[in-house]
């Protein structure tokens, strides 16, 4: 299942959104700035991994 990421503007909005989602029956997970950055980096790495790989010799030839 897909997820969404919402970044509230302040702590008051964070508390409100968490409360609202709980009342609606949704589970919430609060992420630190570092965890959010890690998730973004992981997403980028997985996206790049789906692309075709360049053979090592082509990289080495380009560096010469």
N, C-alpha and C. Protein backbone atom coordinates (compact mmCIF):
# COMPACT_ATOMS: atom_id res chain seq x y z
N UNK A 1 0.83 -1.17 0.00
CA UNK A 1 0.00 0.00 0.00
C UNK A 1 0.88 1.24 0.00
N UNK A 2 0.44 2.27 -0.66
CA UNK A 2 1.17 3.53 -0.71
C UNK A 2 0.94 4.33 0.56
N UNK A 3 1.81 5.27 0.79
CA UNK A 3 1.71 6.15 1.95
C UNK A 3 1.83 7.59 1.48
N UNK A 4 1.49 8.50 2.36
CA UNK A 4 1.68 9.92 2.06
C UNK A 4 2.55 10.52 3.16
N UNK A 5 3.23 11.58 2.82
CA UNK A 5 4.04 12.32 3.79
C UNK A 5 3.48 13.74 3.83
N UNK A 6 3.16 14.19 5.03
CA UNK A 6 2.63 15.54 5.22
C UNK A 6 3.57 16.26 6.17
N UNK A 7 3.99 17.46 5.80
CA UNK A 7 4.89 18.24 6.64
C UNK A 7 4.12 19.44 7.20
N UNK A 8 3.73 19.38 8.46
CA UNK A 8 3.01 20.50 9.05
C UNK A 8 3.92 21.72 9.22
N UNK A 9 3.31 22.88 9.32
CA UNK A 9 4.08 24.13 9.43
C UNK A 9 4.64 24.35 10.83
N UNK A 10 3.97 23.79 11.84
CA UNK A 10 4.42 24.00 13.21
C UNK A 10 3.93 22.85 14.11
N UNK A 11 4.32 22.87 15.39
CA UNK A 11 3.98 21.79 16.31
C UNK A 11 2.48 21.71 16.55
N UNK A 12 1.81 22.84 16.53
CA UNK A 12 0.36 22.85 16.74
C UNK A 12 -0.34 22.10 15.61
N UNK A 13 0.06 22.36 14.37
CA UNK A 13 -0.51 21.64 13.23
C UNK A 13 -0.19 20.16 13.31
N UNK A 14 1.02 19.83 13.75
CA UNK A 14 1.41 18.42 13.90
C UNK A 14 0.47 17.71 14.87
N UNK A 15 0.25 18.31 16.02
CA UNK A 15 -0.65 17.71 17.02
C UNK A 15 -2.06 17.57 16.46
N UNK A 16 -2.54 18.61 15.76
CA UNK A 16 -3.88 18.56 15.19
C UNK A 16 -4.01 17.44 14.16
N UNK A 17 -3.06 17.36 13.25
CA UNK A 17 -3.12 16.33 12.21
C UNK A 17 -3.05 14.92 12.79
N UNK A 18 -2.16 14.73 13.77
CA UNK A 18 -2.06 13.41 14.40
C UNK A 18 -3.37 13.04 15.09
N UNK A 19 -3.97 14.01 15.78
CA UNK A 19 -5.24 13.78 16.47
C UNK A 19 -6.35 13.45 15.47
N UNK A 20 -6.42 14.22 14.41
CA UNK A 20 -7.44 14.00 13.38
C UNK A 20 -7.30 12.62 12.74
N UNK A 21 -6.09 12.28 12.36
CA UNK A 21 -5.86 10.98 11.72
C UNK A 21 -6.17 9.83 12.67
N UNK A 22 -5.87 9.99 13.93
CA UNK A 22 -6.18 8.96 14.92
C UNK A 22 -7.69 8.78 15.03
N UNK A 23 -8.43 9.89 15.07
CA UNK A 23 -9.89 9.82 15.16
C UNK A 23 -10.50 9.17 13.92
N UNK A 24 -9.84 9.36 12.78
CA UNK A 24 -10.31 8.74 11.53
C UNK A 24 -9.87 7.29 11.40
N UNK A 25 -9.07 6.82 12.35
CA UNK A 25 -8.65 5.41 12.35
C UNK A 25 -7.36 5.13 11.61
N UNK A 26 -6.58 6.16 11.35
CA UNK A 26 -5.32 5.97 10.65
C UNK A 26 -4.15 5.94 11.63
N UNK A 27 -3.19 5.09 11.32
CA UNK A 27 -1.96 5.03 12.11
C UNK A 27 -1.03 6.13 11.63
N UNK A 28 -0.33 6.75 12.56
CA UNK A 28 0.65 7.77 12.18
C UNK A 28 2.03 7.37 12.66
N UNK A 29 3.03 7.88 11.98
CA UNK A 29 4.42 7.66 12.35
C UNK A 29 5.13 8.98 12.15
N UNK A 30 5.67 9.52 13.22
CA UNK A 30 6.39 10.78 13.14
C UNK A 30 7.84 10.51 12.77
N UNK A 31 8.33 11.21 11.74
CA UNK A 31 9.70 11.04 11.28
C UNK A 31 10.52 12.27 11.63
N UNK A 32 11.74 12.03 12.07
CA UNK A 32 12.66 13.15 12.30
C UNK A 32 13.15 13.65 10.95
N UNK A 33 13.79 14.82 10.95
CA UNK A 33 14.35 15.35 9.71
C UNK A 33 15.34 14.37 9.10
N UNK A 34 16.13 13.73 9.96
CA UNK A 34 17.14 12.77 9.48
C UNK A 34 16.47 11.55 8.85
N UNK A 35 15.41 11.04 9.48
CA UNK A 35 14.70 9.88 8.92
C UNK A 35 14.05 10.23 7.58
N UNK A 36 13.50 11.43 7.48
CA UNK A 36 12.89 11.86 6.23
C UNK A 36 13.94 11.98 5.13
N UNK A 37 15.11 12.51 5.47
CA UNK A 37 16.21 12.60 4.51
C UNK A 37 16.66 11.21 4.08
N UNK A 38 16.78 10.28 5.02
CA UNK A 38 17.17 8.91 4.70
C UNK A 38 16.17 8.27 3.74
N UNK A 39 14.88 8.51 3.99
CA UNK A 39 13.85 7.94 3.12
C UNK A 39 13.97 8.51 1.71
N UNK A 40 14.26 9.80 1.60
CA UNK A 40 14.45 10.43 0.29
C UNK A 40 15.65 9.86 -0.44
N UNK A 41 16.74 9.66 0.30
CA UNK A 41 17.94 9.08 -0.32
C UNK A 41 17.68 7.65 -0.77
N UNK A 42 16.98 6.87 0.05
CA UNK A 42 16.66 5.49 -0.32
C UNK A 42 15.79 5.46 -1.57
N UNK A 43 14.81 6.35 -1.63
CA UNK A 43 13.95 6.42 -2.81
C UNK A 43 14.78 6.71 -4.06
N UNK A 44 15.71 7.65 -3.95
CA UNK A 44 16.57 8.00 -5.09
C UNK A 44 17.43 6.81 -5.51
N UNK A 45 17.99 6.11 -4.53
CA UNK A 45 18.84 4.95 -4.85
C UNK A 45 18.05 3.85 -5.52
N UNK A 46 16.85 3.58 -5.05
CA UNK A 46 16.02 2.53 -5.64
C UNK A 46 15.61 2.93 -7.05
N UNK A 47 15.27 4.19 -7.25
CA UNK A 47 14.90 4.67 -8.59
C UNK A 47 16.05 4.51 -9.56
N UNK A 48 17.25 4.87 -9.13
CA UNK A 48 18.42 4.75 -9.99
C UNK A 48 18.77 3.30 -10.28
N UNK A 49 18.53 2.43 -9.32
CA UNK A 49 18.87 1.02 -9.50
C UNK A 49 18.04 0.39 -10.62
N UNK A 50 16.88 0.93 -10.90
CA UNK A 50 16.01 0.39 -11.94
C UNK A 50 16.52 0.71 -13.34
N UNK A 51 17.43 1.66 -13.43
CA UNK A 51 18.00 2.04 -14.72
C UNK A 51 19.03 1.00 -15.16
N UNK A 52 19.37 1.03 -16.44
CA UNK A 52 20.39 0.12 -16.95
C UNK A 52 21.75 0.46 -16.36
N UNK A 53 22.52 -0.55 -16.10
CA UNK A 53 23.86 -0.35 -15.56
C UNK A 53 24.83 -0.07 -16.69
N UNK A 54 25.83 0.73 -16.39
CA UNK A 54 26.89 1.03 -17.36
C UNK A 54 28.04 0.09 -17.04
N UNK A 55 28.53 -0.62 -18.04
CA UNK A 55 29.66 -1.53 -17.79
C UNK A 55 30.87 -0.77 -17.25
N UNK A 56 31.64 -1.43 -16.39
CA UNK A 56 32.80 -0.81 -15.75
C UNK A 56 33.79 -0.27 -16.77
N UNK A 57 34.01 -1.01 -17.84
CA UNK A 57 34.99 -0.56 -18.84
C UNK A 57 34.57 0.75 -19.49
N UNK A 58 33.26 1.00 -19.65
CA UNK A 58 32.82 2.26 -20.23
C UNK A 58 33.11 3.43 -19.27
N UNK A 59 32.92 3.18 -17.97
CA UNK A 59 33.21 4.22 -16.99
C UNK A 59 34.70 4.52 -16.99
N UNK A 60 35.52 3.47 -16.99
CA UNK A 60 36.97 3.66 -16.96
C UNK A 60 37.45 4.36 -18.21
N UNK A 61 36.88 4.02 -19.39
CA UNK A 61 37.27 4.68 -20.64
C UNK A 61 36.90 6.17 -20.61
N UNK A 62 35.75 6.49 -20.01
CA UNK A 62 35.32 7.88 -19.93
C UNK A 62 36.22 8.70 -19.00
N UNK A 63 36.83 8.04 -18.02
CA UNK A 63 37.69 8.73 -17.07
C UNK A 63 39.10 8.98 -17.62
N UNK A 64 39.45 8.30 -18.69
CA UNK A 64 40.80 8.46 -19.28
C UNK A 64 40.95 9.76 -20.01
